[in-house]
Amino acid sequence: MNLWDVMVSIFWFMLLVAWFWLLIAIISDIFRDEELSGASKGLWCLFVILLPWLGVLTYLIARGHSMGERSARQAAQNEEHFRSYVRDVAGSGTGVADELERLNQMQQQGMITPEEHQLAKQRVLQGQPAAGSPTPAAPRPV
């Protein structure tokens, strides 16, 4: 096998990789499009798979202009879902301010004395759990 045969083999392999890449991008775009009906999606998939290069080129010519718009819309939607998830998770924990507010309410309601309030407040400000919060159990000697 000479160098020319190797180069031709590499060319055909890269052409195959490019076709697979296009095929995956186009099929994902077909299923991302909410305007197409199920039958249209099935026909496009059959056309792209059964007549590989002709189907891919036809799809790119007929619907390629809106592929970028659908992709950008999907990326923006994913970003918004991610930001919403982060806001929900970050807001679910109790921070120092929330803990201090809870201690003030407990003191005003007479549930704890001013001395207990000061002690719990110092613990919260030092990063330790306040009184009434679950504390980790100390390890037992074996």
Protein backbone atom coordinates (compact mmCIF):
# COMPACT_ATOMS: atom_id res chain seq x y z
CA MET A 1 0.00 0.00 0.00
CA ASN A 2 1.58 3.25 -1.09
CA LEU A 3 1.15 6.76 0.23
CA TRP A 4 -1.50 7.66 -2.36
CA ASP A 5 -3.76 4.79 -1.24
CA VAL A 6 -3.42 5.90 2.38
CA MET A 7 -4.34 9.48 1.47
CA VAL A 8 -7.40 8.34 -0.51
CA SER A 9 -8.48 6.12 2.39
CA ILE A 10 -8.12 9.04 4.80
CA PHE A 11 -10.16 11.25 2.45
CA TRP A 12 -13.02 8.74 2.26
CA PHE A 13 -12.94 8.20 6.01
CA MET A 14 -13.14 11.95 6.66
CA LEU A 15 -16.02 12.21 4.18
CA LEU A 16 -17.84 9.50 6.13
CA VAL A 17 -17.19 11.32 9.42
CA ALA A 18 -18.51 14.57 7.90
CA TRP A 19 -21.65 12.81 6.71
CA PHE A 20 -22.30 11.32 10.16
CA TRP A 21 -21.78 14.73 11.73
CA LEU A 22 -24.24 16.33 9.31
CA LEU A 23 -26.69 13.48 9.78
CA ILE A 24 -26.72 13.86 13.56
CA ALA A 25 -27.05 17.66 13.32
CA ILE A 26 -29.90 17.43 10.81
CA ILE A 27 -31.84 14.71 12.63
CA SER A 28 -31.56 16.62 15.90
CA ASP A 29 -32.80 19.75 14.07
CA ILE A 30 -35.70 17.81 12.56
CA PHE A 31 -36.86 16.65 15.99
CA ARG A 32 -36.21 20.07 17.57
CA ASP A 33 -38.55 21.81 15.10
CA GLU A 34 -42.01 22.20 16.63
CA GLU A 35 -43.58 23.39 13.36
CA LEU A 36 -43.10 20.05 11.56
CA SER A 37 -45.71 17.35 11.98
CA GLY A 38 -44.79 13.80 12.90
CA ALA A 39 -45.27 12.59 9.32
CA SER A 40 -43.02 15.35 7.97
CA LYS A 41 -40.34 14.48 10.49
CA GLY A 42 -40.52 10.82 9.51
CA LEU A 43 -40.31 11.60 5.79
CA TRP A 44 -37.34 13.91 6.27
CA CYS A 45 -35.56 11.24 8.33
CA LEU A 46 -36.19 8.58 5.69
CA PHE A 47 -35.03 10.91 2.93
CA VAL A 48 -31.85 11.86 4.82
CA ILE A 49 -31.03 8.25 5.71
CA LEU A 50 -31.98 6.45 2.47
CA LEU A 51 -30.44 9.00 0.08
CA PRO A 52 -27.55 10.19 2.24
CA TRP A 53 -25.81 13.03 0.43
CA LEU A 54 -28.82 14.11 -1.61
CA GLY A 55 -31.04 14.13 1.47
CA VAL A 56 -28.55 16.10 3.56
CA LEU A 57 -27.94 18.67 0.83
CA THR A 58 -31.67 19.02 0.11
CA TYR A 59 -32.42 19.56 3.80
CA LEU A 60 -29.66 22.16 4.10
CA ILE A 61 -30.98 24.04 1.06
CA ALA A 62 -34.65 23.81 2.02
CA ARG A 63 -34.46 24.34 5.78
CA GLY A 64 -30.88 25.34 6.57
CA HIS A 65 -31.65 29.01 7.08
CA SER A 66 -33.72 28.31 10.20
CA MET A 67 -31.40 25.69 11.73
CA GLY A 68 -29.36 28.38 13.48
CA GLU A 69 -32.47 30.06 14.85
CA ARG A 70 -33.76 26.80 16.34
CA SER A 71 -30.35 26.01 17.78
CA ALA A 72 -30.03 29.47 19.37
CA ARG A 73 -33.57 29.23 20.77
CA GLN A 74 -32.78 25.82 22.30
CA ALA A 75 -29.52 27.13 23.80
CA ALA A 76 -31.33 30.13 25.34
CA GLN A 77 -34.02 27.84 26.75
CA ASN A 78 -31.39 25.51 28.25
CA GLU A 79 -29.58 28.51 29.77
CA GLU A 80 -32.81 29.78 31.34
CA HIS A 81 -33.60 26.33 32.78
CA PHE A 82 -30.08 26.15 34.22
CA ARG A 83 -30.32 29.63 35.78
CA SER A 84 -33.74 28.79 37.22
CA TYR A 85 -32.37 25.59 38.72
CA VAL A 86 -29.40 27.42 40.27
CA ARG A 87 -31.71 30.09 41.73
CA ASP A 88 -33.97 27.42 43.23
CA VAL A 89 -31.08 25.48 44.74
CA ALA A 90 -29.26 28.56 46.05
CA GLY A 91 -32.43 30.00 47.58
CA SER A 92 -33.43 26.81 49.35
CA GLY A 93 -30.69 26.90 51.99
CA THR A 94 -30.82 28.99 55.16
CA GLY A 95 -28.17 31.64 55.34
CA VAL A 96 -26.76 33.54 58.29
CA ALA A 97 -29.34 36.31 57.95
CA ASP A 98 -32.19 33.80 57.97
CA GLU A 99 -30.77 32.08 61.04
CA LEU A 100 -30.36 35.39 62.89
CA GLU A 101 -33.93 36.38 62.00
CA ARG A 102 -35.17 33.06 63.36
CA LEU A 103 -33.23 33.60 66.61
CA ASN A 104 -34.71 37.11 66.99
CA GLN A 105 -38.21 35.75 66.54
CA MET A 106 -37.55 33.01 69.09
CA GLN A 107 -36.35 35.60 71.63
CA GLN A 108 -39.34 37.89 70.98
CA GLN A 109 -41.72 34.97 71.47
CA GLY A 110 -40.03 34.08 74.75
CA MET A 111 -38.78 30.71 73.56
CA ILE A 112 -35.17 31.56 74.48
CA THR A 113 -33.60 33.91 77.01
CA PRO A 114 -31.41 36.87 76.01
CA GLU A 115 -28.33 34.96 77.17
CA GLU A 116 -29.25 31.97 75.00
CA HIS A 117 -29.91 34.38 72.13
CA GLN A 118 -26.43 35.91 72.46
CA LEU A 119 -24.78 32.49 72.67
CA ALA A 120 -26.68 31.20 69.63
CA LYS A 121 -25.95 34.42 67.73
CA GLN A 122 -22.21 34.02 68.38
CA ARG A 123 -22.35 30.42 67.17
CA VAL A 124 -24.15 31.44 63.96
CA LEU A 125 -21.67 34.23 63.26
CA GLN A 126 -18.78 31.81 63.79
CA GLY A 127 -20.26 29.41 61.26
CA GLN A 128 -21.48 26.83 63.76
CA PRO A 129 -25.09 25.65 63.88
CA ALA A 130 -27.36 27.61 66.22
CA ALA A 131 -29.04 26.13 69.27
CA GLY A 132 -31.93 23.98 68.19
CA SER A 133 -30.20 23.10 64.93
CA PRO A 134 -28.99 19.56 64.50
CA THR A 135 -25.34 19.23 65.40
CA PRO A 136 -23.13 16.42 64.20
CA ALA A 137 -22.67 13.68 66.76
CA ALA A 138 -19.26 13.41 68.34
CA PRO A 139 -17.39 10.24 67.46
CA ARG A 140 -17.55 7.58 70.13
CA PRO A 141 -14.36 5.95 71.39
CA VAL A 142 -14.02 2.37 70.32
